[in-house]
Amino acid sequence: MKNSFIDVASIIVLAGVFVLNILFRNQFDGGSILFIASLLIVLVGITIWLIGKKTLGEFFSTSRYPKGFVTKGIYSKIRHPMYYSGIVIYIGTALFFRSWVGLGLVFFLVIPILYYFIKKEEGFLREKYKDQYLVYREKTII
């Protein structure tokens, strides 16, 4: 019960961060360079997410408990590309809306929430795949 509450609360908070970006927009100047850069950052994040999802294939899940252990493609270099793409997307969105509040929330809410999910997922993988996961961990970046 505790984990499902944390999952739901986290989703509400993460969605709220997008809303707060809109509510607290235009807090700093950026001009066309920031506009273009923010769109590129979001595009990079979406691309990484799509590559991660495609690489996972049948193992893709919205659960913190993975359906399998994937070590090919982007997962051969980065252990959590989909979580990291989320961070990139949130940063790009905050920059797009020119929101100091949004940027602050990325660092004080989004990253800690995603880090929590990463740690839970890694614990599950370490328990299920033992030495195989530890070897994989040594070969990849966070």
C-alpha atoms as a PDB file:
ATOM      1  CA  MET A   1       0.000   0.000   0.000  1.00  0.00           C
ATOM      2  CA  LYS A   2       2.806   2.396   0.919  1.00  0.00           C
ATOM      3  CA  ASN A   3       4.546   1.923  -2.450  1.00  0.00           C
ATOM      4  CA  SER A   4       1.360   2.506  -4.458  1.00  0.00           C
ATOM      5  CA  PHE A   5       0.682   5.708  -2.490  1.00  0.00           C
ATOM      6  CA  ILE A   6       4.222   6.899  -3.198  1.00  0.00           C
ATOM      7  CA  ASP A   7       3.799   6.055  -6.895  1.00  0.00           C
ATOM      8  CA  VAL A   8       0.524   7.972  -7.195  1.00  0.00           C
ATOM      9  CA  ALA A   9       1.812  10.921  -5.163  1.00  0.00           C
ATOM     10  CA  SER A  10       4.944  11.051  -7.312  1.00  0.00           C
ATOM     11  CA  ILE A  11       2.938  11.097 -10.528  1.00  0.00           C
ATOM     12  CA  ILE A  12       0.793  13.934  -9.165  1.00  0.00           C
ATOM     13  CA  VAL A  13       3.890  15.898  -8.149  1.00  0.00           C
ATOM     14  CA  LEU A  14       5.607  15.325 -11.516  1.00  0.00           C
ATOM     15  CA  ALA A  15       2.481  16.451 -13.386  1.00  0.00           C
ATOM     16  CA  GLY A  16       2.226  19.428 -11.050  1.00  0.00           C
ATOM     17  CA  VAL A  17       5.730  20.504 -12.003  1.00  0.00           C
ATOM     18  CA  PHE A  18       4.585  20.935 -15.619  1.00  0.00           C
ATOM     19  CA  VAL A  19       1.602  22.999 -14.462  1.00  0.00           C
ATOM     20  CA  LEU A  20       3.786  25.171 -12.226  1.00  0.00           C
ATOM     21  CA  ASN A  21       6.103  25.845 -15.170  1.00  0.00           C
ATOM     22  CA  ILE A  22       3.143  27.352 -16.973  1.00  0.00           C
ATOM     23  CA  LEU A  23       1.857  29.277 -13.951  1.00  0.00           C
ATOM     24  CA  PHE A  24       5.295  30.705 -13.161  1.00  0.00           C
ATOM     25  CA  ARG A  25       6.451  31.398 -16.711  1.00  0.00           C
ATOM     26  CA  ASN A  26       8.412  34.357 -18.055  1.00  0.00           C
ATOM     27  CA  GLN A  27      10.460  34.794 -14.880  1.00  0.00           C
ATOM     28  CA  PHE A  28      13.626  35.547 -16.854  1.00  0.00           C
ATOM     29  CA  ASP A  29      14.584  36.740 -20.308  1.00  0.00           C
ATOM     30  CA  GLY A  30      15.837  34.289 -22.833  1.00  0.00           C
ATOM     31  CA  GLY A  31      15.247  35.477 -26.329  1.00  0.00           C
ATOM     32  CA  SER A  32      15.229  33.320 -29.413  1.00  0.00           C
ATOM     33  CA  ILE A  33      18.446  31.477 -28.504  1.00  0.00           C
ATOM     34  CA  LEU A  34      16.937  30.127 -25.293  1.00  0.00           C
ATOM     35  CA  PHE A  35      13.700  29.317 -27.124  1.00  0.00           C
ATOM     36  CA  ILE A  36      15.555  27.246 -29.726  1.00  0.00           C
ATOM     37  CA  ALA A  37      17.868  25.665 -27.142  1.00  0.00           C
ATOM     38  CA  SER A  38      14.943  24.673 -24.912  1.00  0.00           C
ATOM     39  CA  LEU A  39      13.129  23.041 -27.825  1.00  0.00           C
ATOM     40  CA  LEU A  40      16.294  21.148 -28.767  1.00  0.00           C
ATOM     41  CA  ILE A  41      16.747  20.001 -25.156  1.00  0.00           C
ATOM     42  CA  VAL A  42      13.165  18.705 -25.038  1.00  0.00           C
ATOM     43  CA  LEU A  43      13.649  17.039 -28.425  1.00  0.00           C
ATOM     44  CA  VAL A  44      16.828  15.315 -27.197  1.00  0.00           C
ATOM     45  CA  GLY A  45      14.960  14.103 -24.107  1.00  0.00           C
ATOM     46  CA  ILE A  46      12.070  12.756 -26.163  1.00  0.00           C
ATOM     47  CA  THR A  47      14.496  11.066 -28.561  1.00  0.00           C
ATOM     48  CA  ILE A  48      16.352   9.353 -25.715  1.00  0.00           C
ATOM     49  CA  TRP A  49      13.018   8.237 -24.239  1.00  0.00           C
ATOM     50  CA  LEU A  50      11.843   6.814 -27.558  1.00  0.00           C
ATOM     51  CA  ILE A  51      15.150   5.004 -28.114  1.00  0.00           C
ATOM     52  CA  GLY A  52      14.916   3.555 -24.599  1.00  0.00           C
ATOM     53  CA  LYS A  53      11.321   2.446 -25.127  1.00  0.00           C
ATOM     54  CA  LYS A  54      12.145   0.863 -28.492  1.00  0.00           C
ATOM     55  CA  THR A  55      15.171  -0.918 -27.002  1.00  0.00           C
ATOM     56  CA  LEU A  56      13.057  -2.300 -24.169  1.00  0.00           C
ATOM     57  CA  GLY A  57      10.512  -3.638 -26.660  1.00  0.00           C
ATOM     58  CA  GLU A  58       8.328  -6.248 -24.974  1.00  0.00           C
ATOM     59  CA  PHE A  59      10.000  -5.480 -21.643  1.00  0.00           C
ATOM     60  CA  PHE A  60       8.670  -1.902 -21.563  1.00  0.00           C
ATOM     61  CA  SER A  61       6.575  -1.275 -18.474  1.00  0.00           C
ATOM     62  CA  THR A  62       5.357   1.662 -16.456  1.00  0.00           C
ATOM     63  CA  SER A  63       5.958  -0.350 -13.295  1.00  0.00           C
ATOM     64  CA  ARG A  64       9.016   0.118 -11.127  1.00  0.00           C
ATOM     65  CA  TYR A  65       9.475  -3.631 -11.369  1.00  0.00           C
ATOM     66  CA  PRO A  66      10.999  -4.383 -14.767  1.00  0.00           C
ATOM     67  CA  LYS A  67       9.677  -7.255 -16.852  1.00  0.00           C
ATOM     68  CA  GLY A  68      13.198  -8.232 -17.860  1.00  0.00           C
ATOM     69  CA  PHE A  69      16.836  -7.279 -17.905  1.00  0.00           C
ATOM     70  CA  VAL A  70      17.893  -5.419 -21.047  1.00  0.00           C
ATOM     71  CA  THR A  71      21.584  -4.716 -21.699  1.00  0.00           C
ATOM     72  CA  LYS A  72      21.609  -3.958 -25.437  1.00  0.00           C
ATOM     73  CA  GLY A  73      21.357  -0.704 -27.376  1.00  0.00           C
ATOM     74  CA  ILE A  74      21.286   2.447 -25.286  1.00  0.00           C
ATOM     75  CA  TYR A  75      21.075   0.239 -22.183  1.00  0.00           C
ATOM     76  CA  SER A  76      24.585  -1.028 -22.920  1.00  0.00           C
ATOM     77  CA  LYS A  77      25.898   2.442 -22.035  1.00  0.00           C
ATOM     78  CA  ILE A  78      23.281   4.020 -19.738  1.00  0.00           C
ATOM     79  CA  ARG A  79      21.387   2.071 -17.060  1.00  0.00           C
ATOM     80  CA  HIS A  80      18.388   4.391 -16.868  1.00  0.00           C
ATOM     81  CA  PRO A  81      17.983   6.321 -20.125  1.00  0.00           C
ATOM     82  CA  MET A  82      14.243   6.744 -19.697  1.00  0.00           C
ATOM     83  CA  TYR A  83      14.559   8.319 -16.250  1.00  0.00           C
ATOM     84  CA  TYR A  84      17.341  10.578 -17.473  1.00  0.00           C
ATOM     85  CA  SER A  85      15.348  11.569 -20.519  1.00  0.00           C
ATOM     86  CA  GLY A  86      12.619  12.667 -18.117  1.00  0.00           C
ATOM     87  CA  ILE A  87      15.061  14.952 -16.327  1.00  0.00           C
ATOM     88  CA  VAL A  88      16.208  16.400 -19.651  1.00  0.00           C
ATOM     89  CA  ILE A  89      12.601  16.993 -20.719  1.00  0.00           C
ATOM     90  CA  TYR A  90      11.756  18.719 -17.424  1.00  0.00           C
ATOM     91  CA  ILE A  91      14.816  20.981 -17.706  1.00  0.00           C
ATOM     92  CA  GLY A  92      13.979  21.831 -21.317  1.00  0.00           C
ATOM     93  CA  THR A  93      10.372  22.576 -20.367  1.00  0.00           C
ATOM     94  CA  ALA A  94      11.410  24.888 -17.531  1.00  0.00           C
ATOM     95  CA  LEU A  95      13.758  26.706 -19.901  1.00  0.00           C
ATOM     96  CA  PHE A  96      11.044  26.909 -22.568  1.00  0.00           C
ATOM     97  CA  PHE A  97       8.684  28.583 -20.091  1.00  0.00           C
ATOM     98  CA  ARG A  98      11.600  30.585 -18.613  1.00  0.00           C
ATOM     99  CA  SER A  99      10.591  29.482 -15.145  1.00  0.00           C
ATOM    100  CA  TRP A 100      12.942  29.733 -12.156  1.00  0.00           C
ATOM    101  CA  VAL A 101      10.298  27.890 -10.153  1.00  0.00           C
ATOM    102  CA  GLY A 102      10.309  25.093 -12.747  1.00  0.00           C
ATOM    103  CA  LEU A 103      14.099  24.815 -12.719  1.00  0.00           C
ATOM    104  CA  GLY A 104      14.114  24.729  -8.925  1.00  0.00           C
ATOM    105  CA  LEU A 105      11.467  22.021  -8.889  1.00  0.00           C
ATOM    106  CA  VAL A 106      13.527  19.921 -11.290  1.00  0.00           C
ATOM    107  CA  PHE A 107      16.417  19.907  -8.846  1.00  0.00           C
ATOM    108  CA  PHE A 108      14.437  19.712  -5.602  1.00  0.00           C
ATOM    109  CA  LEU A 109      11.539  17.451  -6.608  1.00  0.00           C
ATOM    110  CA  VAL A 110      11.909  15.771 -10.010  1.00  0.00           C
ATOM    111  CA  ILE A 111      15.471  14.499  -9.618  1.00  0.00           C
ATOM    112  CA  PRO A 112      14.909  13.169  -6.067  1.00  0.00           C
ATOM    113  CA  ILE A 113      11.682  11.417  -7.128  1.00  0.00           C
ATOM    114  CA  LEU A 114      13.325   9.808 -10.157  1.00  0.00           C
ATOM    115  CA  TYR A 115      16.372   8.903  -8.057  1.00  0.00           C
ATOM    116  CA  TYR A 116      14.018   7.150  -5.630  1.00  0.00           C
ATOM    117  CA  PHE A 117      12.529   5.149  -8.519  1.00  0.00           C
ATOM    118  CA  ILE A 118      16.008   4.334  -9.835  1.00  0.00           C
ATOM    119  CA  LYS A 119      17.110   2.995  -6.450  1.00  0.00           C
ATOM    120  CA  LYS A 120      13.969   0.858  -6.104  1.00  0.00           C
ATOM    121  CA  GLU A 121      14.405  -0.541  -9.614  1.00  0.00           C
ATOM    122  CA  GLU A 122      18.097  -1.243  -9.067  1.00  0.00           C
ATOM    123  CA  GLY A 123      17.327  -3.049  -5.818  1.00  0.00           C
ATOM    124  CA  PHE A 124      14.843  -5.263  -7.650  1.00  0.00           C
ATOM    125  CA  LEU A 125      17.314  -5.982 -10.490  1.00  0.00           C
ATOM    126  CA  ARG A 126      20.172  -6.650  -8.066  1.00  0.00           C
ATOM    127  CA  GLU A 127      18.000  -9.087  -6.120  1.00  0.00           C
ATOM    128  CA  LYS A 128      16.684 -10.885  -9.202  1.00  0.00           C
ATOM    129  CA  TYR A 129      19.812 -10.961 -11.420  1.00  0.00           C
ATOM    130  CA  LYS A 130      22.524 -10.834  -8.729  1.00  0.00           C
ATOM    131  CA  ASP A 131      26.076 -10.973 -10.169  1.00  0.00           C
ATOM    132  CA  GLN A 132      24.882 -10.456 -13.733  1.00  0.00           C
ATOM    133  CA  TYR A 133      23.412  -7.082 -12.686  1.00  0.00           C
ATOM    134  CA  LEU A 134      26.538  -6.109 -10.726  1.00  0.00           C
ATOM    135  CA  VAL A 135      28.733  -6.772 -13.794  1.00  0.00           C
ATOM    136  CA  TYR A 136      26.318  -4.726 -15.929  1.00  0.00           C
ATOM    137  CA  ARG A 137      26.444  -1.885 -13.386  1.00  0.00           C
ATOM    138  CA  GLU A 138      30.208  -1.715 -13.668  1.00  0.00           C
ATOM    139  CA  LYS A 139      30.047  -1.358 -17.469  1.00  0.00           C
ATOM    140  CA  THR A 140      27.448   1.430 -17.590  1.00  0.00           C
ATOM    141  CA  ILE A 141      26.951   4.949 -16.342  1.00  0.00           C
ATOM    142  CA  ILE A 142      24.083   5.862 -14.118  1.00  0.00           C
END
